[in-house]
Amino acid sequence: MRVVKEAEERRNEILDAADMLFADKGFDNTSTSDILEKVGIARGTLYYHFKSKEDILDALIKRCQEQIINAAGEIAADKGIPVPRRITGVVRAMSISHDSGKEMKKQMHKPQNALMHQKSQAAVLKGVTPVLTEVVQDGIREGLFSTPYPRECMEMLLVYAGTVFDDMMDDTQEVQEQRIRAFIFHAERMLGAESGSLEPDMLQMFTDGPAACDDSCPAVSG
């Protein structure tokens, strides 16, 4: 008996299969036939939802952008968490932590995908900046921060985190530590925070590594 699925359900099924294959075999080594076989659908069904393998990659990136922004919003909205921890929690939610995400990141850094990478960064920045701005405004009300530019501060910090830290794994440990401490130093001063007040949570963020992203989310920050 032929199984007919709703369009959105089938679309997500294709994306989930492609996500797993990209993580296992790599984007370049995964064919549309591999995706068809894993999902168990005809080629016409695949092309009804996606024009090409590259179109699937675009959709995976867009889906992850939405998941990142939603996750960031949930963390930021939890008033039971101290403001500094909410800020670092949102930043960690934007990070890549699993094999699927690493493959997406690899593809995003290819020269031919430079425009896609730029658009992805811009989309995440646009979605997460207002979320973090509200957290900073909570910090201002609590007397933790003092800045007339909460949104601009968050934009600058996110851009730095999404570019410099993105490629930092190739640096020596000494250089990494220097950049992390410089980031914390300037974050405190940009926000008008007491010296050392953000250091414990931010250092913990870098020590623990990125927060685990949902298995279906190929995070794209950076």
C-alpha atoms as a PDB file:
ATOM      1  CA  MET A   1       0.000   0.000   0.000  1.00  0.00           C
ATOM      2  CA  ARG A   2       1.399   3.392  -0.979  1.00  0.00           C
ATOM      3  CA  VAL A   3       1.998   5.735   1.925  1.00  0.00           C
ATOM      4  CA  VAL A   4       1.015   9.338   1.202  1.00  0.00           C
ATOM      5  CA  LYS A   5       2.439  11.895   3.607  1.00  0.00           C
ATOM      6  CA  GLU A   6       1.661  15.534   4.121  1.00  0.00           C
ATOM      7  CA  ALA A   7       4.002  17.847   2.207  1.00  0.00           C
ATOM      8  CA  GLU A   8       5.610  19.372   5.321  1.00  0.00           C
ATOM      9  CA  GLU A   9       6.162  15.976   6.915  1.00  0.00           C
ATOM     10  CA  ARG A  10       7.767  14.605   3.740  1.00  0.00           C
ATOM     11  CA  ARG A  11       9.916  17.697   3.354  1.00  0.00           C
ATOM     12  CA  ASN A  12      11.262  17.358   6.904  1.00  0.00           C
ATOM     13  CA  GLU A  13      11.839  13.651   6.350  1.00  0.00           C
ATOM     14  CA  ILE A  14      14.030  14.472   3.347  1.00  0.00           C
ATOM     15  CA  LEU A  15      15.900  17.132   5.300  1.00  0.00           C
ATOM     16  CA  ASP A  16      16.509  14.781   8.232  1.00  0.00           C
ATOM     17  CA  ALA A  17      17.855  12.069   5.921  1.00  0.00           C
ATOM     18  CA  ALA A  18      20.099  14.508   4.059  1.00  0.00           C
ATOM     19  CA  ASP A  19      21.362  15.947   7.330  1.00  0.00           C
ATOM     20  CA  MET A  20      22.449  12.498   8.537  1.00  0.00           C
ATOM     21  CA  LEU A  21      24.040  11.615   5.203  1.00  0.00           C
ATOM     22  CA  PHE A  22      25.930  14.905   4.979  1.00  0.00           C
ATOM     23  CA  ALA A  23      27.314  14.284   8.468  1.00  0.00           C
ATOM     24  CA  ASP A  24      28.266  10.683   7.681  1.00  0.00           C
ATOM     25  CA  LYS A  25      29.565  10.947   4.110  1.00  0.00           C
ATOM     26  CA  GLY A  26      30.094  14.658   3.598  1.00  0.00           C
ATOM     27  CA  PHE A  27      28.099  16.934   1.324  1.00  0.00           C
ATOM     28  CA  ASP A  28      30.208  16.324  -1.792  1.00  0.00           C
ATOM     29  CA  ASN A  29      30.123  12.534  -1.386  1.00  0.00           C
ATOM     30  CA  THR A  30      26.371  12.371  -0.849  1.00  0.00           C
ATOM     31  CA  SER A  31      24.281  11.945  -3.991  1.00  0.00           C
ATOM     32  CA  THR A  32      20.597  12.570  -4.491  1.00  0.00           C
ATOM     33  CA  SER A  33      20.312   8.797  -5.037  1.00  0.00           C
ATOM     34  CA  ASP A  34      21.657   8.270  -1.505  1.00  0.00           C
ATOM     35  CA  ILE A  35      18.946  10.563  -0.165  1.00  0.00           C
ATOM     36  CA  LEU A  36      16.253   8.820  -2.219  1.00  0.00           C
ATOM     37  CA  GLU A  37      17.334   5.432  -0.926  1.00  0.00           C
ATOM     38  CA  LYS A  38      17.436   6.543   2.701  1.00  0.00           C
ATOM     39  CA  VAL A  39      13.978   8.136   2.576  1.00  0.00           C
ATOM     40  CA  GLY A  40      12.501   5.505   0.279  1.00  0.00           C
ATOM     41  CA  ILE A  41      10.923   7.856  -2.222  1.00  0.00           C
ATOM     42  CA  ALA A  42      10.900   8.358  -5.978  1.00  0.00           C
ATOM     43  CA  ARG A  43      13.092  10.978  -7.629  1.00  0.00           C
ATOM     44  CA  GLY A  44      10.047  12.935  -8.703  1.00  0.00           C
ATOM     45  CA  THR A  45       8.956  13.274  -5.068  1.00  0.00           C
ATOM     46  CA  LEU A  46      12.354  14.669  -4.102  1.00  0.00           C
ATOM     47  CA  TYR A  47      12.314  17.212  -6.918  1.00  0.00           C
ATOM     48  CA  TYR A  48       8.781  18.232  -5.996  1.00  0.00           C
ATOM     49  CA  HIS A  49      10.176  19.549  -2.714  1.00  0.00           C
ATOM     50  CA  PHE A  50      13.746  20.507  -3.688  1.00  0.00           C
ATOM     51  CA  LYS A  51      15.330  21.505  -6.990  1.00  0.00           C
ATOM     52  CA  SER A  52      18.780  20.122  -6.153  1.00  0.00           C
ATOM     53  CA  LYS A  53      21.111  18.908  -3.427  1.00  0.00           C
ATOM     54  CA  GLU A  54      22.235  22.506  -2.974  1.00  0.00           C
ATOM     55  CA  ASP A  55      18.607  23.499  -2.431  1.00  0.00           C
ATOM     56  CA  ILE A  56      18.425  20.907   0.352  1.00  0.00           C
ATOM     57  CA  LEU A  57      21.528  22.417   1.958  1.00  0.00           C
ATOM     58  CA  ASP A  58      19.938  25.875   1.815  1.00  0.00           C
ATOM     59  CA  ALA A  59      16.811  24.505   3.500  1.00  0.00           C
ATOM     60  CA  LEU A  60      18.856  22.813   6.228  1.00  0.00           C
ATOM     61  CA  ILE A  61      20.649  26.059   6.956  1.00  0.00           C
ATOM     62  CA  LYS A  62      17.395  28.016   7.063  1.00  0.00           C
ATOM     63  CA  ARG A  63      15.833  25.440   9.393  1.00  0.00           C
ATOM     64  CA  CYS A  64      18.781  25.703  11.715  1.00  0.00           C
ATOM     65  CA  GLN A  65      18.617  29.497  11.727  1.00  0.00           C
ATOM     66  CA  GLU A  66      15.043  29.253  12.953  1.00  0.00           C
ATOM     67  CA  GLN A  67      15.989  26.701  15.617  1.00  0.00           C
ATOM     68  CA  ILE A  68      18.873  28.852  16.826  1.00  0.00           C
ATOM     69  CA  ILE A  69      16.668  31.920  17.129  1.00  0.00           C
ATOM     70  CA  ASN A  70      13.920  29.960  18.926  1.00  0.00           C
ATOM     71  CA  ALA A  71      16.424  28.377  21.330  1.00  0.00           C
ATOM     72  CA  ALA A  72      17.995  31.771  22.005  1.00  0.00           C
ATOM     73  CA  GLY A  73      14.574  33.252  22.718  1.00  0.00           C
ATOM     74  CA  GLU A  74      13.708  30.525  25.234  1.00  0.00           C
ATOM     75  CA  ILE A  75      16.965  30.991  27.139  1.00  0.00           C
ATOM     76  CA  ALA A  76      16.698  34.785  27.122  1.00  0.00           C
ATOM     77  CA  ALA A  77      13.108  34.704  28.379  1.00  0.00           C
ATOM     78  CA  ASP A  78      13.920  32.655  31.485  1.00  0.00           C
ATOM     79  CA  LYS A  79      13.976  35.350  34.168  1.00  0.00           C
ATOM     80  CA  GLY A  80      15.037  32.758  36.729  1.00  0.00           C
ATOM     81  CA  ILE A  81      18.503  32.659  35.181  1.00  0.00           C
ATOM     82  CA  PRO A  82      20.940  35.474  36.087  1.00  0.00           C
ATOM     83  CA  VAL A  83      21.506  37.976  33.298  1.00  0.00           C
ATOM     84  CA  PRO A  84      25.196  37.087  32.608  1.00  0.00           C
ATOM     85  CA  ARG A  85      24.295  33.402  32.335  1.00  0.00           C
ATOM     86  CA  ARG A  86      21.409  34.165  29.989  1.00  0.00           C
ATOM     87  CA  ILE A  87      23.769  36.062  27.687  1.00  0.00           C
ATOM     88  CA  THR A  88      26.316  33.248  27.567  1.00  0.00           C
ATOM     89  CA  GLY A  89      23.505  30.709  27.186  1.00  0.00           C
ATOM     90  CA  VAL A  90      22.241  32.474  24.076  1.00  0.00           C
ATOM     91  CA  VAL A  91      25.759  32.623  22.600  1.00  0.00           C
ATOM     92  CA  ARG A  92      26.277  28.919  23.295  1.00  0.00           C
ATOM     93  CA  ALA A  93      22.965  28.112  21.603  1.00  0.00           C
ATOM     94  CA  MET A  94      24.416  29.598  18.418  1.00  0.00           C
ATOM     95  CA  SER A  95      27.452  27.328  18.378  1.00  0.00           C
ATOM     96  CA  ILE A  96      28.242  24.169  16.418  1.00  0.00           C
ATOM     97  CA  SER A  97      28.775  21.020  18.462  1.00  0.00           C
ATOM     98  CA  HIS A  98      27.927  17.873  16.531  1.00  0.00           C
ATOM     99  CA  ASP A  99      29.099  16.117  13.345  1.00  0.00           C
ATOM    100  CA  SER A 100      26.162  17.315  11.261  1.00  0.00           C
ATOM    101  CA  GLY A 101      26.864  20.913  12.184  1.00  0.00           C
ATOM    102  CA  LYS A 102      30.554  20.549  11.383  1.00  0.00           C
ATOM    103  CA  GLU A 103      29.735  19.358   7.868  1.00  0.00           C
ATOM    104  CA  MET A 104      27.396  22.302   7.328  1.00  0.00           C
ATOM    105  CA  LYS A 105      30.091  24.635   8.593  1.00  0.00           C
ATOM    106  CA  LYS A 106      32.608  23.073   6.189  1.00  0.00           C
ATOM    107  CA  GLN A 107      30.290  23.669   3.254  1.00  0.00           C
ATOM    108  CA  MET A 108      29.543  27.229   4.316  1.00  0.00           C
ATOM    109  CA  HIS A 109      33.257  28.079   4.278  1.00  0.00           C
ATOM    110  CA  LYS A 110      33.811  27.004   0.685  1.00  0.00           C
ATOM    111  CA  PRO A 111      34.465  29.977  -1.642  1.00  0.00           C
ATOM    112  CA  GLN A 112      31.476  29.128  -3.824  1.00  0.00           C
ATOM    113  CA  ASN A 113      29.217  29.308  -0.763  1.00  0.00           C
ATOM    114  CA  ALA A 114      30.521  32.661   0.467  1.00  0.00           C
ATOM    115  CA  LEU A 115      27.272  34.489  -0.313  1.00  0.00           C
ATOM    116  CA  MET A 116      25.229  31.802   1.439  1.00  0.00           C
ATOM    117  CA  HIS A 117      27.535  32.059   4.450  1.00  0.00           C
ATOM    118  CA  GLN A 118      27.142  35.822   4.548  1.00  0.00           C
ATOM    119  CA  LYS A 119      23.359  35.616   4.284  1.00  0.00           C
ATOM    120  CA  SER A 120      23.214  32.976   7.020  1.00  0.00           C
ATOM    121  CA  GLN A 121      25.289  35.065   9.402  1.00  0.00           C
ATOM    122  CA  ALA A 122      23.165  38.117   8.663  1.00  0.00           C
ATOM    123  CA  ALA A 123      19.932  36.198   9.295  1.00  0.00           C
ATOM    124  CA  VAL A 124      21.098  34.815  12.638  1.00  0.00           C
ATOM    125  CA  LEU A 125      22.500  38.201  13.656  1.00  0.00           C
ATOM    126  CA  LYS A 126      19.214  39.892  12.803  1.00  0.00           C
ATOM    127  CA  GLY A 127      17.203  37.325  14.764  1.00  0.00           C
ATOM    128  CA  VAL A 128      19.395  36.976  17.858  1.00  0.00           C
ATOM    129  CA  THR A 129      20.448  40.615  18.375  1.00  0.00           C
ATOM    130  CA  PRO A 130      17.020  41.839  19.596  1.00  0.00           C
ATOM    131  CA  VAL A 131      16.788  38.798  21.879  1.00  0.00           C
ATOM    132  CA  LEU A 132      20.103  39.641  23.535  1.00  0.00           C
ATOM    133  CA  THR A 133      19.237  43.332  23.629  1.00  0.00           C
ATOM    134  CA  GLU A 134      16.280  42.569  25.893  1.00  0.00           C
ATOM    135  CA  VAL A 135      18.559  40.620  28.236  1.00  0.00           C
ATOM    136  CA  VAL A 136      21.002  43.528  28.377  1.00  0.00           C
ATOM    137  CA  GLN A 137      18.137  45.901  29.138  1.00  0.00           C
ATOM    138  CA  ASP A 138      17.204  43.625  32.055  1.00  0.00           C
ATOM    139  CA  GLY A 139      20.818  43.955  33.204  1.00  0.00           C
ATOM    140  CA  ILE A 140      20.605  47.731  32.955  1.00  0.00           C
ATOM    141  CA  ARG A 141      17.452  47.732  35.078  1.00  0.00           C
ATOM    142  CA  GLU A 142      19.202  45.546  37.649  1.00  0.00           C
ATOM    143  CA  GLY A 143      22.197  47.894  37.753  1.00  0.00           C
ATOM    144  CA  LEU A 144      24.582  45.298  36.263  1.00  0.00           C
ATOM    145  CA  PHE A 145      25.196  47.204  33.025  1.00  0.00           C
ATOM    146  CA  SER A 146      25.405  50.836  32.023  1.00  0.00           C
ATOM    147  CA  THR A 147      25.361  51.528  28.302  1.00  0.00           C
ATOM    148  CA  PRO A 148      23.263  53.770  26.059  1.00  0.00           C
ATOM    149  CA  TYR A 149      23.812  51.330  23.186  1.00  0.00           C
ATOM    150  CA  PRO A 150      22.615  47.868  24.266  1.00  0.00           C
ATOM    151  CA  ARG A 151      21.673  46.724  20.762  1.00  0.00           C
ATOM    152  CA  GLU A 152      24.854  47.961  19.133  1.00  0.00           C
ATOM    153  CA  CYS A 153      26.945  46.305  21.844  1.00  0.00           C
ATOM    154  CA  MET A 154      25.294  42.970  21.143  1.00  0.00           C
ATOM    155  CA  GLU A 155      25.730  43.362  17.388  1.00  0.00           C
ATOM    156  CA  MET A 156      29.450  43.984  17.758  1.00  0.00           C
ATOM    157  CA  LEU A 157      29.978  41.133  20.199  1.00  0.00           C
ATOM    158  CA  LEU A 158      28.031  38.679  18.047  1.00  0.00           C
ATOM    159  CA  VAL A 159      29.912  39.632  14.898  1.00  0.00           C
ATOM    160  CA  TYR A 160      33.224  39.150  16.683  1.00  0.00           C
ATOM    161  CA  ALA A 161      32.171  35.842  18.213  1.00  0.00           C
ATOM    162  CA  GLY A 162      30.853  34.602  14.881  1.00  0.00           C
ATOM    163  CA  THR A 163      34.030  35.388  12.961  1.00  0.00           C
ATOM    164  CA  VAL A 164      37.121  35.306  15.173  1.00  0.00           C
ATOM    165  CA  PHE A 165      36.071  32.349  17.328  1.00  0.00           C
ATOM    166  CA  ASP A 166      34.804  30.533  14.262  1.00  0.00           C
ATOM    167  CA  ASP A 167      38.334  29.867  12.990  1.00  0.00           C
ATOM    168  CA  MET A 168      40.128  29.884  16.328  1.00  0.00           C
ATOM    169  CA  MET A 169      40.613  26.098  16.620  1.00  0.00           C
ATOM    170  CA  ASP A 170      43.689  26.296  14.369  1.00  0.00           C
ATOM    171  CA  ASP A 171      45.367  28.752  16.741  1.00  0.00           C
ATOM    172  CA  THR A 172      47.719  27.804  19.561  1.00  0.00           C
ATOM    173  CA  GLN A 173      46.254  27.463  23.041  1.00  0.00           C
ATOM    174  CA  GLU A 174      48.053  30.641  24.071  1.00  0.00           C
ATOM    175  CA  VAL A 175      46.453  32.638  21.253  1.00  0.00           C
ATOM    176  CA  GLN A 176      43.030  31.159  21.992  1.00  0.00           C
ATOM    177  CA  GLU A 177      43.234  32.098  25.667  1.00  0.00           C
ATOM    178  CA  GLN A 178      44.413  35.613  24.784  1.00  0.00           C
ATOM    179  CA  ARG A 179      41.461  36.147  22.450  1.00  0.00           C
ATOM    180  CA  ILE A 180      38.960  34.764  24.944  1.00  0.00           C
ATOM    181  CA  ARG A 181      40.194  37.038  27.719  1.00  0.00           C
ATOM    182  CA  ALA A 182      40.268  40.020  25.348  1.00  0.00           C
ATOM    183  CA  PHE A 183      36.682  39.257  24.336  1.00  0.00           C
ATOM    184  CA  ILE A 184      35.540  39.178  27.967  1.00  0.00           C
ATOM    185  CA  PHE A 185      37.530  42.324  28.809  1.00  0.00           C
ATOM    186  CA  HIS A 186      35.940  44.343  26.027  1.00  0.00           C
ATOM    187  CA  ALA A 187      32.476  42.869  26.546  1.00  0.00           C
ATOM    188  CA  GLU A 188      32.490  44.114  30.143  1.00  0.00           C
ATOM    189  CA  ARG A 189      33.609  47.567  29.114  1.00  0.00           C
ATOM    190  CA  MET A 190      31.190  47.893  26.223  1.00  0.00           C
ATOM    191  CA  LEU A 191      28.310  46.948  28.518  1.00  0.00           C
ATOM    192  CA  GLY A 192      29.535  49.131  31.358  1.00  0.00           C
ATOM    193  CA  ALA A 193      29.755  46.073  33.621  1.00  0.00           C
ATOM    194  CA  GLU A 194      31.940  45.743  36.702  1.00  0.00           C
ATOM    195  CA  SER A 195      35.366  44.362  35.848  1.00  0.00           C
ATOM    196  CA  GLY A 196      35.376  40.586  36.239  1.00  0.00           C
ATOM    197  CA  SER A 197      31.586  40.298  36.559  1.00  0.00           C
ATOM    198  CA  LEU A 198      31.155  38.431  33.264  1.00  0.00           C
ATOM    199  CA  GLU A 199      34.363  36.427  33.477  1.00  0.00           C
ATOM    200  CA  PRO A 200      33.118  33.353  35.419  1.00  0.00           C
ATOM    201  CA  ASP A 201      30.182  32.618  33.112  1.00  0.00           C
ATOM    202  CA  MET A 202      32.039  33.420  29.903  1.00  0.00           C
ATOM    203  CA  LEU A 203      35.105  31.376  30.836  1.00  0.00           C
ATOM    204  CA  GLN A 204      32.793  28.487  31.721  1.00  0.00           C
ATOM    205  CA  MET A 205      31.182  28.830  28.313  1.00  0.00           C
ATOM    206  CA  PHE A 206      34.507  28.390  26.544  1.00  0.00           C
ATOM    207  CA  THR A 207      35.639  25.622  28.900  1.00  0.00           C
ATOM    208  CA  ASP A 208      32.475  23.560  28.460  1.00  0.00           C
ATOM    209  CA  GLY A 209      32.307  24.151  24.717  1.00  0.00           C
ATOM    210  CA  PRO A 210      29.158  24.752  22.692  1.00  0.00           C
ATOM    211  CA  ALA A 211      25.822  23.714  24.074  1.00  0.00           C
ATOM    212  CA  ALA A 212      24.514  20.618  22.361  1.00  0.00           C
ATOM    213  CA  CYS A 213      22.296  21.511  19.455  1.00  0.00           C
ATOM    214  CA  ASP A 214      19.256  19.452  18.585  1.00  0.00           C
ATOM    215  CA  ASP A 215      20.226  16.553  16.297  1.00  0.00           C
ATOM    216  CA  SER A 216      18.275  18.056  13.432  1.00  0.00           C
ATOM    217  CA  CYS A 217      19.991  21.388  13.671  1.00  0.00           C
ATOM    218  CA  PRO A 218      23.153  21.980  11.626  1.00  0.00           C
ATOM    219  CA  ALA A 219      24.085  25.183  13.396  1.00  0.00           C
ATOM    220  CA  VAL A 220      25.616  27.771  11.165  1.00  0.00           C
ATOM    221  CA  SER A 221      26.985  30.504  13.316  1.00  0.00           C
ATOM    222  CA  GLY A 222      30.280  31.641  11.932  1.00  0.00           C
END
